[in-house]
Structures are given as C-alpha cells and as structure tokens.
Amino acid sequence: MTTDNQSTECTVVCHVRAPLLLEPVDGQVETLQTCESEGTVDTLLLRSWPEQVTISEESPHQEVLETFERYERWADRQGVSIQPPFNERTARSSVTGQANDVLVTPVLCLAIYRDEQLVGVFPHSAADETYTATEAIAALRTGNVPTPLGTSNDPAETDEDTCPDCGGSLVNGQGVFACVDCGWTGTVRSDGQYVPIREDERSAGVELEASR
C-alpha cells in the first residue's frame, strides 16, 4: 500500500467472536478479504475470540487478555477509549455463586499496523465521537489507512523509550532498540520512525558478531 507518497506495509488483524460470522459481520469480513485481494490491504489476519474471558492469571485465554492490554496502551497513548466496545465487569456463576472479573470482547474489532507498528484499534471513541469498525473498513476499501481520533495521529510521535508495538519499555543497545515486554527489536530512521529489524537481518548481525 502506498500512503503519503511512501510505501508502507499495511496489516489488518480482524478479531471476531466465534461463531458469529453472520450478517453483517460476515459482510465486513468479506470486504476486508476483498481489500486484501485487491491490494489495498497487504495482509489480513482473521482471529476468533470468546464472548467473555475471565481476568485471571489462570485463564486459558491469556492471549486475548494480552491483546486487550496492548490495545489499551495504544488507546492511552492516543487519548481515546476502547471501553466500549471492550467491557470489564463482574460476573457471578449461576452454579457456584462465585463472582469473577471478566472481559467482554467486541463482536468485531480491527487492529491496523503499518510496517508492523500498531496505528489504530477500531472501534474507539473520544469525547462524544466514535470511529466504528465499519467506517475503518470503508476507508481501507478506498486504499486509505484510517486516521484514528485523538491527539497522536502521527505514528512516529512516540516516546523514545516506548515500544511502537506494545507500548512497553525499550532498551537502547548501540542504536538497536529492544522491548523488554514483547521482544520487539528495531532501529530509528532519521525522521523518527521506528523500523523493525527483520529476522534475516537479525541473523546476519549475530553471524557478524560471531566472526569478530
């Protein structure tokens, strides 16, 4: 995808409640698949998640909880909210009577990455305005990466010590940044944009150090 005269890789992760691939959800997924086939989206990843997940270290759905935390960090940096569509509440079992904190997931949620950097989670809201997933899909259909609400629209506008993927802390090792939380590694271009290091480049660097 080419945006603002620059060639960038656009990846869309579409989370859907299983098994709710029904209208209008399946129509939205089909539109995203069309975007991928026509090249307005470079990569489309479809992921399913349950309607609700128990918030606990023993939960079998840790990946969902980690995804939510990553999206929450993006929302905090952007100055927007993703609650709703996500919702944290207390649920009581009708069998045991035990109360548990649970995370209720959206029916459909989009995460958009440019060059492997998270730049948008849809739906989200700011003040009285909401940017829906449907609107984001419509923008992608026209070949545009949707610009989220909030105050940090430029993905390069991040703290020097903040991971562009998960928002965790970065450690600078001679110009190579590594995230202590998710393992992301990359460098910074002259324009301040983080660029991830590809696996083949990382391997080449290791071989070079070993030959010294």
Protein backbone atom coordinates (compact mmCIF):
# COMPACT_ATOMS: atom_id res chain seq x y z
CA MET A 1 0.00 0.00 0.00
CA THR A 2 1.27 3.48 -0.83
CA THR A 3 0.30 6.25 1.57
CA ASP A 4 1.53 9.84 1.64
CA ASN A 5 4.00 9.04 -1.16
CA GLN A 6 5.64 6.37 0.97
CA SER A 7 5.45 2.63 0.50
CA THR A 8 4.23 1.06 3.74
CA GLU A 9 3.12 -2.43 4.64
CA CYS A 10 -0.47 -2.41 5.89
CA THR A 11 -1.56 -5.35 8.03
CA VAL A 12 -5.09 -5.68 9.40
CA VAL A 13 -5.91 -8.05 12.26
CA CYS A 14 -9.65 -8.73 12.44
CA HIS A 15 -10.96 -10.22 15.68
CA VAL A 16 -14.44 -11.77 15.56
CA ARG A 17 -16.49 -13.51 18.19
CA ALA A 18 -16.83 -17.17 17.24
CA PRO A 19 -19.07 -18.44 15.78
CA LEU A 20 -20.68 -15.09 14.84
CA LEU A 21 -19.71 -15.00 11.18
CA LEU A 22 -23.22 -13.83 10.30
CA GLU A 23 -24.58 -10.71 8.63
CA PRO A 24 -23.45 -8.00 8.93
CA VAL A 25 -20.20 -9.40 10.38
CA ASP A 26 -19.51 -11.81 7.54
CA GLY A 27 -20.12 -8.98 5.06
CA GLN A 28 -17.47 -6.88 6.79
CA VAL A 29 -15.04 -9.79 6.73
CA GLU A 30 -15.72 -10.33 3.03
CA THR A 31 -14.99 -6.65 2.38
CA LEU A 32 -11.67 -6.98 4.19
CA GLN A 33 -10.84 -10.07 2.14
CA THR A 34 -11.61 -8.06 -0.99
CA CYS A 35 -9.25 -5.33 0.24
CA GLU A 36 -6.50 -7.92 0.59
CA SER A 37 -7.14 -9.46 -2.82
CA GLU A 38 -7.15 -6.03 -4.50
CA GLY A 39 -4.04 -4.86 -2.67
CA THR A 40 -5.48 -2.03 -0.56
CA VAL A 41 -4.53 -4.20 2.41
CA ASP A 42 -1.26 -6.13 2.23
CA THR A 43 -2.05 -8.77 4.86
CA LEU A 44 -5.32 -9.73 6.55
CA LEU A 45 -5.26 -11.92 9.65
CA LEU A 46 -8.56 -13.30 10.97
CA ARG A 47 -8.72 -14.19 14.65
CA SER A 48 -11.63 -15.51 16.76
CA TRP A 49 -12.18 -14.98 20.46
CA PRO A 50 -14.87 -15.93 23.00
CA GLU A 51 -17.61 -13.54 24.10
CA GLN A 52 -16.02 -13.14 27.52
CA VAL A 53 -12.78 -14.09 29.22
CA THR A 54 -12.09 -14.43 32.93
CA ILE A 55 -9.47 -11.90 34.03
CA SER A 56 -7.07 -14.18 35.83
CA GLU A 57 -3.54 -15.49 35.56
CA GLU A 58 -5.10 -18.96 35.34
CA SER A 59 -7.32 -18.03 32.39
CA PRO A 60 -6.83 -20.29 29.34
CA HIS A 61 -7.27 -17.18 27.15
CA GLN A 62 -4.13 -15.28 28.12
CA GLU A 63 -3.56 -14.23 24.51
CA VAL A 64 -6.91 -12.38 24.49
CA LEU A 65 -6.05 -10.60 27.74
CA GLU A 66 -2.60 -9.63 26.42
CA THR A 67 -4.16 -8.35 23.19
CA PHE A 68 -6.60 -6.22 25.17
CA GLU A 69 -3.77 -4.79 27.29
CA ARG A 70 -1.79 -3.94 24.14
CA TYR A 71 -4.80 -2.17 22.63
CA GLU A 72 -5.45 -0.34 25.92
CA ARG A 73 -1.89 1.00 25.89
CA TRP A 74 -2.39 2.25 22.34
CA ALA A 75 -5.66 3.94 23.37
CA ASP A 76 -3.96 5.62 26.34
CA ARG A 77 -1.20 6.99 24.11
CA GLN A 78 -3.75 8.14 21.55
CA GLY A 79 -6.03 9.77 24.10
CA VAL A 80 -9.06 7.65 23.17
CA SER A 81 -11.09 4.86 24.77
CA ILE A 82 -11.80 1.28 23.70
CA GLN A 83 -14.24 0.67 26.57
CA PRO A 84 -16.70 0.17 24.97
CA PRO A 85 -16.52 -1.95 22.79
CA PHE A 86 -14.47 -3.85 25.37
CA ASN A 87 -16.12 -4.07 28.77
CA GLU A 88 -14.72 -5.17 32.12
CA ARG A 89 -17.36 -6.31 34.60
CA THR A 90 -18.07 -8.78 37.38
CA ALA A 91 -19.98 -11.96 36.55
CA ARG A 92 -21.43 -14.40 39.08
CA SER A 93 -21.69 -18.11 38.31
CA SER A 94 -25.24 -19.44 38.48
CA VAL A 95 -23.83 -22.81 39.56
CA THR A 96 -21.22 -21.96 42.21
CA GLY A 97 -22.28 -18.41 43.03
CA GLN A 98 -18.64 -17.33 42.72
CA ALA A 99 -18.01 -13.83 41.35
CA ASN A 100 -15.26 -13.31 38.76
CA ASP A 101 -13.96 -10.30 36.90
CA VAL A 102 -14.45 -10.85 33.17
CA LEU A 103 -13.53 -9.08 29.95
CA VAL A 104 -16.36 -8.88 27.40
CA THR A 105 -14.97 -8.72 23.86
CA PRO A 106 -16.33 -6.81 20.85
CA VAL A 107 -18.30 -8.67 18.20
CA LEU A 108 -15.75 -7.36 15.70
CA CYS A 109 -12.54 -5.42 16.33
CA LEU A 110 -9.85 -4.24 13.92
CA ALA A 111 -6.19 -3.59 14.68
CA ILE A 112 -4.24 -1.86 11.92
CA TYR A 113 -0.47 -2.00 11.62
CA ARG A 114 1.81 0.00 9.33
CA ASP A 115 5.24 -1.55 8.91
CA GLU A 116 4.45 -3.78 11.92
CA GLN A 117 3.62 -0.76 14.12
CA LEU A 118 0.16 -0.58 15.71
CA VAL A 119 -1.51 2.62 14.46
CA GLY A 120 -5.20 2.03 15.11
CA VAL A 121 -7.76 -0.03 17.00
CA PHE A 122 -11.39 0.19 15.87
CA PRO A 123 -13.95 0.88 17.23
CA HIS A 124 -12.75 3.55 19.65
CA SER A 125 -14.15 6.81 20.95
CA ALA A 126 -13.06 10.25 22.08
CA ALA A 127 -15.44 12.63 23.87
CA ASP A 128 -18.81 12.14 22.14
CA GLU A 129 -17.38 10.83 18.86
CA THR A 130 -16.91 7.18 17.88
CA TYR A 131 -14.85 5.79 14.99
CA THR A 132 -16.55 2.49 14.15
CA ALA A 133 -15.05 -0.61 12.59
CA THR A 134 -17.45 -0.17 9.67
CA GLU A 135 -16.03 3.29 8.98
CA ALA A 136 -12.48 1.96 9.22
CA ILE A 137 -13.26 -0.81 6.72
CA ALA A 138 -14.80 1.75 4.35
CA ALA A 139 -11.56 3.79 4.49
CA LEU A 140 -9.46 0.69 3.80
CA ARG A 141 -11.71 -0.15 0.86
CA THR A 142 -10.70 3.14 -0.78
CA GLY A 143 -7.00 2.45 -0.22
CA ASN A 144 -6.57 4.72 2.81
CA VAL A 145 -5.30 3.84 6.27
CA PRO A 146 -7.95 5.28 8.63
CA THR A 147 -6.71 8.07 10.88
CA PRO A 148 -7.89 7.45 14.44
CA LEU A 149 -9.43 10.02 16.72
CA GLY A 150 -7.31 11.53 19.47
CA THR A 151 -4.15 13.56 19.58
CA SER A 152 -1.30 11.29 18.41
CA ASN A 153 -2.17 10.75 14.76
CA ASP A 154 1.48 10.51 13.65
CA PRO A 155 2.77 7.02 14.48
CA ALA A 156 6.27 8.49 14.77
CA GLU A 157 5.14 10.64 17.69
CA THR A 158 6.04 8.17 20.41
CA ASP A 159 8.37 8.41 23.38
CA GLU A 160 11.90 7.38 22.56
CA ASP A 161 11.77 4.67 25.20
CA THR A 162 8.33 3.29 24.24
CA CYS A 163 7.85 0.15 22.14
CA PRO A 164 5.86 1.00 18.96
CA ASP A 165 4.14 -2.40 19.09
CA CYS A 166 3.08 -2.98 22.70
CA GLY A 167 3.95 0.27 24.47
CA GLY A 168 6.48 -1.41 26.74
CA SER A 169 9.92 -0.13 27.72
CA LEU A 170 12.73 -0.09 25.16
CA VAL A 171 16.40 -0.67 25.88
CA ASN A 172 18.86 1.09 23.57
CA GLY A 173 21.86 -1.04 22.73
CA GLN A 174 24.16 0.89 20.38
CA GLY A 175 21.31 2.15 18.22
CA VAL A 176 19.31 -1.10 18.30
CA PHE A 177 16.18 -0.88 20.44
CA ALA A 178 14.71 -3.95 22.15
CA CYS A 179 11.42 -4.18 24.04
CA VAL A 180 11.69 -5.82 27.44
CA ASP A 181 8.00 -6.80 27.30
CA CYS A 182 7.28 -8.28 23.87
CA GLY A 183 10.77 -8.80 22.41
CA TRP A 184 10.32 -6.30 19.52
CA THR A 185 13.64 -5.09 18.08
CA GLY A 186 14.30 -2.27 15.67
CA THR A 187 16.08 0.95 14.82
CA VAL A 188 15.02 4.57 14.35
CA ARG A 189 15.12 6.31 10.97
CA SER A 190 16.21 9.91 10.54
CA ASP A 191 12.54 11.01 10.55
CA GLY A 192 12.00 9.44 13.99
CA GLN A 193 10.05 6.46 12.65
CA TYR A 194 10.71 3.10 14.30
CA VAL A 195 11.66 0.37 11.84
CA PRO A 196 11.60 -3.27 12.98
CA ILE A 197 14.60 -5.46 12.27
CA ARG A 198 13.70 -8.41 10.05
CA GLU A 199 14.62 -11.91 11.15
CA ASP A 200 17.15 -12.30 8.32
CA GLU A 201 18.85 -9.02 9.31
CA ARG A 202 18.96 -10.11 12.97
CA SER A 203 20.57 -13.43 11.99
CA ALA A 204 23.14 -11.66 9.84
CA GLY A 205 24.06 -9.42 12.77
CA VAL A 206 24.59 -12.43 15.02
CA GLU A 207 26.81 -14.10 12.43
CA LEU A 208 28.82 -10.90 12.06
CA GLU A 209 29.41 -10.64 15.83
CA ALA A 210 30.44 -14.29 15.95
CA SER A 211 33.04 -13.79 13.20
CA ARG A 212 34.78 -10.97 15.06
